[in-house]
Protein backbone atom coordinates (compact mmCIF):
# COMPACT_ATOMS: atom_id res chain seq x y z
CA UNK A 1 33.02 2.91 -24.26
CA UNK A 2 31.42 6.03 -24.39
CA UNK A 3 28.22 4.97 -25.50
CA UNK A 4 28.30 2.92 -22.01
CA UNK A 5 29.11 6.19 -20.32
CA UNK A 6 26.19 7.60 -21.65
CA UNK A 7 23.82 4.84 -21.56
CA UNK A 8 24.56 4.69 -18.18
CA UNK A 9 24.37 8.66 -17.56
CA UNK A 10 21.02 8.55 -19.15
CA UNK A 11 19.68 5.53 -16.57
CA UNK A 12 20.79 7.34 -13.53
CA UNK A 13 19.15 10.53 -15.16
CA UNK A 14 15.64 8.35 -15.40
CA UNK A 15 16.37 6.93 -11.81
CA UNK A 16 14.47 9.93 -9.70
CA UNK A 17 11.49 9.70 -12.34
CA UNK A 18 11.15 5.96 -12.59
CA UNK A 19 11.55 5.91 -8.38
CA UNK A 20 8.36 8.71 -8.14
CA UNK A 21 6.76 6.82 -10.73
CA UNK A 22 6.95 3.35 -8.98
CA UNK A 23 6.15 5.11 -5.39
CA UNK A 24 2.94 7.07 -7.07
CA UNK A 25 1.63 3.41 -8.34
CA UNK A 26 2.21 1.97 -4.63
CA UNK A 27 0.28 4.53 -3.91
CA UNK A 28 -2.68 4.39 -6.49
CA UNK A 29 -2.34 0.48 -6.02
CA UNK A 30 -2.67 0.79 -1.86
CA UNK A 31 -5.96 3.17 -2.59
CA UNK A 32 -7.53 0.48 -4.77
CA UNK A 33 -7.14 -2.14 -2.24
CA UNK A 34 -8.22 -0.30 0.98
CA UNK A 35 -11.61 0.74 -1.55
CA UNK A 36 -11.84 -2.92 -2.52
CA UNK A 37 -11.76 -3.88 1.00
CA UNK A 38 -14.39 -1.14 1.94
CA UNK A 39 -16.47 -2.55 -1.05
CA UNK A 40 -16.16 -6.20 -0.39
CA UNK A 41 -17.45 -5.26 3.30
CA UNK A 42 -20.26 -2.79 2.77
CA UNK A 43 -22.04 -5.12 0.00
CA UNK A 44 -21.40 -8.17 2.52
CA UNK A 45 -19.32 -10.07 -0.05
CA UNK A 46 -17.05 -10.34 2.56
CA UNK A 47 -17.03 -10.32 6.73
CA UNK A 48 -15.44 -7.56 8.34
CA UNK A 49 -13.06 -10.03 10.64
CA UNK A 50 -12.42 -12.42 7.49
CA UNK A 51 -8.95 -12.57 6.43
CA UNK A 52 -9.42 -11.40 2.93
CA UNK A 53 -11.09 -8.11 4.39
CA UNK A 54 -8.04 -7.86 6.73
CA UNK A 55 -5.30 -8.74 4.25
CA UNK A 56 -6.83 -5.98 1.68
CA UNK A 57 -6.68 -3.88 4.48
CA UNK A 58 -3.17 -4.02 5.80
CA UNK A 59 -1.79 -4.31 2.21
CA UNK A 60 -3.32 -1.13 0.92
CA UNK A 61 -2.32 0.75 4.12
CA UNK A 62 1.31 -0.81 3.53
CA UNK A 63 1.02 0.75 -0.02
CA UNK A 64 -0.27 3.98 1.03
CA UNK A 65 2.08 4.35 4.00
CA UNK A 66 5.13 3.84 1.44
CA UNK A 67 3.77 6.88 -0.66
CA UNK A 68 2.64 9.12 1.92
CA UNK A 69 6.10 8.77 3.91
CA UNK A 70 7.92 9.42 0.37
CA UNK A 71 5.77 12.88 -0.19
CA UNK A 72 6.46 13.47 3.54
CA UNK A 73 2.80 13.51 4.11
CA UNK A 74 3.28 12.04 8.11
CA UNK A 75 0.17 12.55 9.24
CA UNK A 76 -0.93 10.55 6.80
CA UNK A 77 2.11 7.87 7.10
CA UNK A 78 0.58 7.77 10.85
CA UNK A 79 -2.96 7.09 10.12
CA UNK A 80 -1.93 4.18 7.99
CA UNK A 81 0.69 2.86 10.41
CA UNK A 82 -2.22 2.74 13.04
CA UNK A 83 -4.55 1.54 10.48
CA UNK A 84 -2.41 -1.43 10.07
CA UNK A 85 -2.08 -2.15 13.83
CA UNK A 86 -5.51 -2.26 14.11
CA UNK A 87 -5.46 -5.16 10.77
CA UNK A 88 -3.04 -6.58 12.90
CA UNK A 89 -4.72 -6.77 16.33
CA UNK A 90 -7.80 -8.29 14.46
CA UNK A 91 -6.19 -10.99 12.55
CA UNK A 92 -4.33 -11.81 15.82
CA UNK A 93 -7.83 -11.49 18.19
CA UNK A 94 -9.95 -13.61 15.64
CA UNK A 95 -12.13 -16.04 16.88
CA UNK A 96 -13.25 -17.88 13.19
CA UNK A 97 -11.40 -18.09 10.48
CA UNK A 98 -14.20 -16.63 7.68
CA UNK A 99 -13.04 -16.30 4.50
C-alpha cells in the first residue's frame, strides 16, 4: 500500500509541472497556427476569406488565449478574444465558400 501512496504523491507533485507544460505547448501551437495562417495568406496560397485561413486563425487564437489567460496576461487574452470574434464574424458573413 505504501508503494501506491508514494506513487500517487509523486503524480500529484508532478501535476502542476505537467499542467504548465500542456499550457505552454498549447500557446506554442497557437502561435504556429496564427503564423501559418498569415504565411498562407501572404503567399496567396489561400484566400483571406477562406475557411482554411479563418479556421487556422480562430484555433490559433483560442490556443493563445488559453495560454495567456493561464499566465495572467489579460491584455493578450482580450486581444485573442477579439481576434476570435473577428474570425467568427468573417465566417458567418462569408459570401463564397473558398478553400
